[in-house]
Amino acid sequence: MSLMQQVPERVSARTAEDIAAYDARDLIRNGVKAEIILDGQSYTLRITRAGKLILTK
């Protein structure tokens, strides 16, 4: 499932001027990786075994 199909709820955001915050594990529902689309280009977000995030094109 791509991110465009279902966007998870924000974890926290106090006002419209705040930065939207999302839990990475909500974005990466299968525990491995998520596809993120920006201006028609696909990026992959994944969580490493060490718990780090990697975003690749």
PDB file of N, CA and C in Angstrom:
ATOM      1  N   MET A   1       0.846  -1.168   0.000  1.00  0.00           N
ATOM      2  CA  MET A   1       0.000   0.000   0.000  1.00  0.00           C
ATOM      3  C   MET A   1       0.897   1.238   0.000  1.00  0.00           C
ATOM      4  N   SER A   2       0.614   2.201  -0.843  1.00  0.00           N
ATOM      5  CA  SER A   2       1.425   3.402  -0.878  1.00  0.00           C
ATOM      6  C   SER A   2       0.890   4.418   0.117  1.00  0.00           C
ATOM      7  N   LEU A   3       1.732   5.365   0.464  1.00  0.00           N
ATOM      8  CA  LEU A   3       1.368   6.405   1.416  1.00  0.00           C
ATOM      9  C   LEU A   3       0.209   7.248   0.893  1.00  0.00           C
ATOM     10  N   MET A   4       0.086   7.405  -0.411  1.00  0.00           N
ATOM     11  CA  MET A   4      -0.969   8.214  -0.993  1.00  0.00           C
ATOM     12  C   MET A   4      -2.344   7.588  -0.752  1.00  0.00           C
ATOM     13  N   GLN A   5      -2.407   6.300  -0.532  1.00  0.00           N
ATOM     14  CA  GLN A   5      -3.685   5.633  -0.346  1.00  0.00           C
ATOM     15  C   GLN A   5      -4.247   5.836   1.055  1.00  0.00           C
ATOM     16  N   GLN A   6      -3.375   5.913   2.068  1.00  0.00           N
ATOM     17  CA  GLN A   6      -3.849   6.061   3.434  1.00  0.00           C
ATOM     18  C   GLN A   6      -2.799   6.804   4.243  1.00  0.00           C
ATOM     19  N   VAL A   7      -3.134   7.993   4.705  1.00  0.00           N
ATOM     20  CA  VAL A   7      -2.207   8.806   5.490  1.00  0.00           C
ATOM     21  C   VAL A   7      -2.537   8.624   6.958  1.00  0.00           C
ATOM     22  N   PRO A   8      -1.541   8.224   7.774  1.00  0.00           N
ATOM     23  CA  PRO A   8      -1.803   8.039   9.201  1.00  0.00           C
ATOM     24  C   PRO A   8      -2.085   9.364   9.902  1.00  0.00           C
ATOM     25  N   GLU A   9      -2.709   9.281  11.067  1.00  0.00           N
ATOM     26  CA  GLU A   9      -3.000  10.474  11.846  1.00  0.00           C
ATOM     27  C   GLU A   9      -1.723  11.068  12.407  1.00  0.00           C
ATOM     28  N   ARG A  10      -1.750  12.379  12.623  1.00  0.00           N
ATOM     29  CA  ARG A  10      -0.610  13.058  13.223  1.00  0.00           C
ATOM     30  C   ARG A  10      -0.452  12.620  14.666  1.00  0.00           C
ATOM     31  N   VAL A  11       0.794  12.509  15.098  1.00  0.00           N
ATOM     32  CA  VAL A  11       1.066  12.182  16.494  1.00  0.00           C
ATOM     33  C   VAL A  11       0.844  13.417  17.343  1.00  0.00           C
ATOM     34  N   SER A  12       1.370  14.570  16.883  1.00  0.00           N
ATOM     35  CA  SER A  12       1.170  15.807  17.620  1.00  0.00           C
ATOM     36  C   SER A  12       1.307  17.001  16.689  1.00  0.00           C
ATOM     37  N   ALA A  13       0.480  17.983  16.913  1.00  0.00           N
ATOM     38  CA  ALA A  13       0.564  19.261  16.210  1.00  0.00           C
ATOM     39  C   ALA A  13      -0.338  20.223  16.973  1.00  0.00           C
ATOM     40  N   ARG A  14       0.251  21.270  17.514  1.00  0.00           N
ATOM     41  CA  ARG A  14      -0.518  22.177  18.371  1.00  0.00           C
ATOM     42  C   ARG A  14      -1.310  23.218  17.572  1.00  0.00           C
ATOM     43  N   THR A  15      -0.703  23.804  16.549  1.00  0.00           N
ATOM     44  CA  THR A  15      -1.387  24.795  15.729  1.00  0.00           C
ATOM     45  C   THR A  15      -1.032  24.559  14.270  1.00  0.00           C
ATOM     46  N   ALA A  16      -1.688  25.290  13.387  1.00  0.00           N
ATOM     47  CA  ALA A  16      -1.408  25.157  11.954  1.00  0.00           C
ATOM     48  C   ALA A  16       0.024  25.562  11.629  1.00  0.00           C
ATOM     49  N   GLU A  17       0.659  26.360  12.469  1.00  0.00           N
ATOM     50  CA  GLU A  17       2.033  26.802  12.228  1.00  0.00           C
ATOM     51  C   GLU A  17       3.067  25.781  12.704  1.00  0.00           C
ATOM     52  N   ASP A  18       2.658  24.816  13.509  1.00  0.00           N
ATOM     53  CA  ASP A  18       3.576  23.789  13.993  1.00  0.00           C
ATOM     54  C   ASP A  18       3.931  22.814  12.882  1.00  0.00           C
ATOM     55  N   ILE A  19       4.995  22.114  13.088  1.00  0.00           N
ATOM     56  CA  ILE A  19       5.400  21.061  12.156  1.00  0.00           C
ATOM     57  C   ILE A  19       4.582  19.808  12.456  1.00  0.00           C
ATOM     58  N   ALA A  20       4.020  19.208  11.421  1.00  0.00           N
ATOM     59  CA  ALA A  20       3.278  17.959  11.603  1.00  0.00           C
ATOM     60  C   ALA A  20       4.258  16.866  12.005  1.00  0.00           C
ATOM     61  N   ALA A  21       3.877  16.054  12.976  1.00  0.00           N
ATOM     62  CA  ALA A  21       4.731  14.972  13.445  1.00  0.00           C
ATOM     63  C   ALA A  21       4.010  13.646  13.265  1.00  0.00           C
ATOM     64  N   TYR A  22       4.697  12.669  12.698  1.00  0.00           N
ATOM     65  CA  TYR A  22       4.143  11.347  12.469  1.00  0.00           C
ATOM     66  C   TYR A  22       5.083  10.312  13.080  1.00  0.00           C
ATOM     67  N   ASP A  23       4.528   9.273  13.640  1.00  0.00           N
ATOM     68  CA  ASP A  23       5.343   8.169  14.122  1.00  0.00           C
ATOM     69  C   ASP A  23       5.781   7.350  12.905  1.00  0.00           C
ATOM     70  N   ALA A  24       7.066   7.149  12.736  1.00  0.00           N
ATOM     71  CA  ALA A  24       7.595   6.438  11.571  1.00  0.00           C
ATOM     72  C   ALA A  24       7.005   5.034  11.456  1.00  0.00           C
ATOM     73  N   ARG A  25       6.728   4.396  12.571  1.00  0.00           N
ATOM     74  CA  ARG A  25       6.170   3.039  12.523  1.00  0.00           C
ATOM     75  C   ARG A  25       4.743   3.035  11.994  1.00  0.00           C
ATOM     76  N   ASP A  26       4.031   4.162  12.105  1.00  0.00           N
ATOM     77  CA  ASP A  26       2.703   4.270  11.496  1.00  0.00           C
ATOM     78  C   ASP A  26       2.816   4.411   9.989  1.00  0.00           C
ATOM     79  N   LEU A  27       3.855   5.102   9.519  1.00  0.00           N
ATOM     80  CA  LEU A  27       4.091   5.238   8.081  1.00  0.00           C
ATOM     81  C   LEU A  27       4.535   3.914   7.483  1.00  0.00           C
ATOM     82  N   ILE A  28       5.331   3.179   8.237  1.00  0.00           N
ATOM     83  CA  ILE A  28       5.894   1.916   7.765  1.00  0.00           C
ATOM     84  C   ILE A  28       5.119   0.781   8.422  1.00  0.00           C
ATOM     85  N   ARG A  29       3.893   0.600   7.983  1.00  0.00           N
ATOM     86  CA  ARG A  29       2.977  -0.346   8.624  1.00  0.00           C
ATOM     87  C   ARG A  29       3.427  -1.803   8.531  1.00  0.00           C
ATOM     88  N   ASN A  30       4.141  -2.179   7.476  1.00  0.00           N
ATOM     89  CA  ASN A  30       4.575  -3.573   7.353  1.00  0.00           C
ATOM     90  C   ASN A  30       5.890  -3.822   8.077  1.00  0.00           C
ATOM     91  N   GLY A  31       6.430  -2.798   8.745  1.00  0.00           N
ATOM     92  CA  GLY A  31       7.644  -2.957   9.519  1.00  0.00           C
ATOM     93  C   GLY A  31       8.918  -2.909   8.717  1.00  0.00           C
ATOM     94  N   VAL A  32       8.827  -2.752   7.398  1.00  0.00           N
ATOM     95  CA  VAL A  32      10.017  -2.784   6.559  1.00  0.00           C
ATOM     96  C   VAL A  32      10.235  -1.462   5.840  1.00  0.00           C
ATOM     97  N   LYS A  33       9.293  -1.086   4.970  1.00  0.00           N
ATOM     98  CA  LYS A  33       9.482   0.148   4.210  1.00  0.00           C
ATOM     99  C   LYS A  33       8.157   0.725   3.761  1.00  0.00           C
ATOM    100  N   ALA A  34       8.212   2.023   3.403  1.00  0.00           N
ATOM    101  CA  ALA A  34       7.038   2.734   2.899  1.00  0.00           C
ATOM    102  C   ALA A  34       7.444   3.513   1.665  1.00  0.00           C
ATOM    103  N   GLU A  35       6.510   3.654   0.745  1.00  0.00           N
ATOM    104  CA  GLU A  35       6.739   4.452  -0.453  1.00  0.00           C
ATOM    105  C   GLU A  35       6.151   5.839  -0.219  1.00  0.00           C
ATOM    106  N   ILE A  36       6.945   6.868  -0.524  1.00  0.00           N
ATOM    107  CA  ILE A  36       6.502   8.251  -0.392  1.00  0.00           C
ATOM    108  C   ILE A  36       6.626   8.899  -1.764  1.00  0.00           C
ATOM    109  N   ILE A  37       5.558   9.562  -2.204  1.00  0.00           N
ATOM    110  CA  ILE A  37       5.552  10.189  -3.523  1.00  0.00           C
ATOM    111  C   ILE A  37       5.607  11.702  -3.347  1.00  0.00           C
ATOM    112  N   LEU A  38       6.505  12.347  -4.084  1.00  0.00           N
ATOM    113  CA  LEU A  38       6.611  13.809  -4.096  1.00  0.00           C
ATOM    114  C   LEU A  38       6.772  14.265  -5.535  1.00  0.00           C
ATOM    115  N   ASP A  39       5.825  15.050  -6.012  1.00  0.00           N
ATOM    116  CA  ASP A  39       5.868  15.568  -7.382  1.00  0.00           C
ATOM    117  C   ASP A  39       6.081  14.460  -8.406  1.00  0.00           C
ATOM    118  N   GLY A  40       5.401  13.337  -8.198  1.00  0.00           N
ATOM    119  CA  GLY A  40       5.473  12.235  -9.150  1.00  0.00           C
ATOM    120  C   GLY A  40       6.703  11.361  -9.022  1.00  0.00           C
ATOM    121  N   GLN A  41       7.596  11.678  -8.089  1.00  0.00           N
ATOM    122  CA  GLN A  41       8.797  10.855  -7.894  1.00  0.00           C
ATOM    123  C   GLN A  41       8.640  10.021  -6.625  1.00  0.00           C
ATOM    124  N   SER A  42       9.093   8.786  -6.697  1.00  0.00           N
ATOM    125  CA  SER A  42       8.930   7.834  -5.603  1.00  0.00           C
ATOM    126  C   SER A  42      10.186   7.785  -4.733  1.00  0.00           C
ATOM    127  N   TYR A  43       9.974   7.810  -3.428  1.00  0.00           N
ATOM    128  CA  TYR A  43      11.052   7.670  -2.448  1.00  0.00           C
ATOM    129  C   TYR A  43      10.699   6.509  -1.535  1.00  0.00           C
ATOM    130  N   THR A  44      11.711   5.853  -0.989  1.00  0.00           N
ATOM    131  CA  THR A  44      11.492   4.746  -0.073  1.00  0.00           C
ATOM    132  C   THR A  44      12.015   5.126   1.311  1.00  0.00           C
ATOM    133  N   LEU A  45      11.157   4.987   2.312  1.00  0.00           N
ATOM    134  CA  LEU A  45      11.527   5.222   3.700  1.00  0.00           C
ATOM    135  C   LEU A  45      11.576   3.870   4.382  1.00  0.00           C
ATOM    136  N   ARG A  46      12.689   3.579   5.054  1.00  0.00           N
ATOM    137  CA  ARG A  46      12.757   2.299   5.756  1.00  0.00           C
ATOM    138  C   ARG A  46      13.432   2.458   7.107  1.00  0.00           C
ATOM    139  N   ILE A  47      13.134   1.530   7.993  1.00  0.00           N
ATOM    140  CA  ILE A  47      13.741   1.487   9.318  1.00  0.00           C
ATOM    141  C   ILE A  47      14.783   0.376   9.309  1.00  0.00           C
ATOM    142  N   THR A  48      16.006   0.709   9.710  1.00  0.00           N
ATOM    143  CA  THR A  48      17.077  -0.286   9.747  1.00  0.00           C
ATOM    144  C   THR A  48      16.937  -1.168  10.988  1.00  0.00           C
ATOM    145  N   ARG A  49      17.716  -2.231  11.028  1.00  0.00           N
ATOM    146  CA  ARG A  49      17.715  -3.107  12.212  1.00  0.00           C
ATOM    147  C   ARG A  49      18.191  -2.359  13.450  1.00  0.00           C
ATOM    148  N   ALA A  50      19.011  -1.309  13.241  1.00  0.00           N
ATOM    149  CA  ALA A  50      19.520  -0.510  14.356  1.00  0.00           C
ATOM    150  C   ALA A  50      18.528   0.571  14.778  1.00  0.00           C
ATOM    151  N   GLY A  51      17.355   0.632  14.116  1.00  0.00           N
ATOM    152  CA  GLY A  51      16.331   1.600  14.493  1.00  0.00           C
ATOM    153  C   GLY A  51      16.520   2.984  13.875  1.00  0.00           C
ATOM    154  N   LYS A  52      17.312   3.077  12.828  1.00  0.00           N
ATOM    155  CA  LYS A  52      17.554   4.351  12.137  1.00  0.00           C
ATOM    156  C   LYS A  52      16.632   4.437  10.919  1.00  0.00           C
ATOM    157  N   LEU A  53      16.328   5.662  10.478  1.00  0.00           N
ATOM    158  CA  LEU A  53      15.522   5.858   9.289  1.00  0.00           C
ATOM    159  C   LEU A  53      16.415   6.156   8.090  1.00  0.00           C
ATOM    160  N   ILE A  54      16.072   5.579   6.954  1.00  0.00           N
ATOM    161  CA  ILE A  54      16.788   5.845   5.701  1.00  0.00           C
ATOM    162  C   ILE A  54      15.745   6.206   4.654  1.00  0.00           C
ATOM    163  N   LEU A  55      15.968   7.341   3.962  1.00  0.00           N
ATOM    164  CA  LEU A  55      15.106   7.780   2.876  1.00  0.00           C
ATOM    165  C   LEU A  55      15.936   7.755   1.601  1.00  0.00           C
ATOM    166  N   THR A  56      15.504   6.981   0.609  1.00  0.00           N
ATOM    167  CA  THR A  56      16.233   6.878  -0.659  1.00  0.00           C
ATOM    168  C   THR A  56      15.292   7.149  -1.819  1.00  0.00           C
ATOM    169  N   LYS A  57      15.898   7.589  -2.906  1.00  0.00           N
ATOM    170  CA  LYS A  57      15.132   7.874  -4.123  1.00  0.00           C
ATOM    171  C   LYS A  57      15.139   6.658  -5.001  1.00  0.00           C
TER     172      LYS A  57
END
